[in-house]
N, C-alpha and C. Protein backbone atom coordinates (compact mmCIF):
# COMPACT_ATOMS: atom_id res chain seq x y z
N MET A 1 163.75 110.96 86.14
CA MET A 1 164.73 110.56 86.89
C MET A 1 164.19 110.75 88.02
N LEU A 2 163.05 111.57 88.47
CA LEU A 2 162.23 111.62 89.70
C LEU A 2 160.86 110.99 89.57
N GLY A 3 160.77 110.25 90.70
CA GLY A 3 159.21 109.41 91.08
C GLY A 3 159.34 108.47 90.00
N GLY A 4 159.38 107.07 90.26
CA GLY A 4 159.01 106.16 88.76
C GLY A 4 158.77 104.69 89.56
N ASP A 5 157.87 104.17 89.30
CA ASP A 5 157.75 102.84 89.55
C ASP A 5 158.46 101.92 89.33
N TRP A 6 158.69 102.08 88.09
CA TRP A 6 159.87 101.26 87.17
C TRP A 6 160.96 100.97 87.51
N THR A 7 161.57 101.56 89.12
CA THR A 7 163.04 101.30 89.46
C THR A 7 162.66 100.45 90.41
N ASP A 8 163.74 99.73 90.73
CA ASP A 8 163.67 98.67 91.85
C ASP A 8 163.92 99.65 93.18
N GLY A 9 162.95 98.68 94.48
CA GLY A 9 162.82 99.65 95.38
C GLY A 9 164.03 100.09 96.09
N THR A 10 164.89 98.56 96.10
CA THR A 10 166.17 98.71 96.69
C THR A 10 166.94 99.63 96.52
N MET A 11 167.10 99.47 95.15
CA MET A 11 167.95 100.41 94.38
C MET A 11 167.81 102.01 94.49
N THR A 12 166.55 102.32 94.58
CA THR A 12 165.92 103.86 94.87
C THR A 12 166.56 104.06 96.37
N ASP A 13 166.62 102.93 97.19
CA ASP A 13 167.10 103.48 98.41
C ASP A 13 168.29 103.52 98.93
N PHE A 14 168.92 102.83 98.01
CA PHE A 14 170.29 102.98 97.86
C PHE A 14 170.94 104.21 97.52
N LYS A 15 170.51 104.28 96.18
CA LYS A 15 170.71 106.00 95.75
C LYS A 15 170.30 107.02 96.50
N TRP A 16 169.11 106.74 97.47
CA TRP A 16 168.60 107.88 97.98
C TRP A 16 169.36 108.01 99.28
N ARG A 17 170.08 106.86 99.94
CA ARG A 17 170.98 107.03 101.04
C ARG A 17 172.25 107.67 100.77
N HIS A 18 172.84 107.46 99.62
CA HIS A 18 174.04 108.00 98.90
C HIS A 18 173.72 109.29 98.84
N PHE A 19 172.62 109.81 98.17
CA PHE A 19 172.20 111.31 98.15
C PHE A 19 172.51 112.20 98.98
N GLN A 20 171.30 111.36 100.04
CA GLN A 20 171.55 112.04 101.34
C GLN A 20 172.95 112.44 101.99
N GLY A 21 173.73 111.21 101.97
CA GLY A 21 175.10 110.92 102.33
C GLY A 21 176.22 112.43 101.68
N ASP A 22 175.73 112.79 100.26
CA ASP A 22 176.48 113.64 99.99
C ASP A 22 176.27 115.07 100.16
N VAL A 23 174.55 115.50 100.17
CA VAL A 23 174.19 116.38 100.89
C VAL A 23 174.49 116.84 102.36
N ILE A 24 174.72 115.48 103.16
CA ILE A 24 175.20 115.85 104.52
C ILE A 24 176.69 116.37 104.67
N LEU A 25 177.31 115.91 103.80
CA LEU A 25 179.02 116.22 103.71
C LEU A 25 179.22 117.42 103.34
N TRP A 26 178.02 118.11 102.15
CA TRP A 26 178.05 119.28 101.40
C TRP A 26 177.81 120.22 102.50
N ALA A 27 176.51 119.97 103.32
CA ALA A 27 176.53 121.04 104.29
C ALA A 27 177.36 121.26 105.48
N VAL A 28 178.09 120.06 105.68
CA VAL A 28 179.15 120.18 106.90
C VAL A 28 180.18 121.24 106.18
N ARG A 29 180.69 120.98 104.91
CA ARG A 29 181.95 121.36 104.49
C ARG A 29 181.42 123.20 104.59
N TRP A 30 180.46 123.36 104.19
CA TRP A 30 180.18 124.93 103.89
C TRP A 30 179.19 125.54 105.00
N TYR A 31 178.59 124.73 105.96
CA TYR A 31 177.80 125.45 106.93
C TYR A 31 178.86 125.38 108.61
N THR A 32 179.86 125.03 108.40
CA THR A 32 180.61 124.84 109.75
C THR A 32 181.79 125.31 109.37
């Protein structure tokens, strides 16, 4: 699931952005 040229670049970017969003929300919830 990590690292792979088989996946579409656009889809990877979308998933990564969504992942970052979840991490940020989690961090804000727990560290504020």
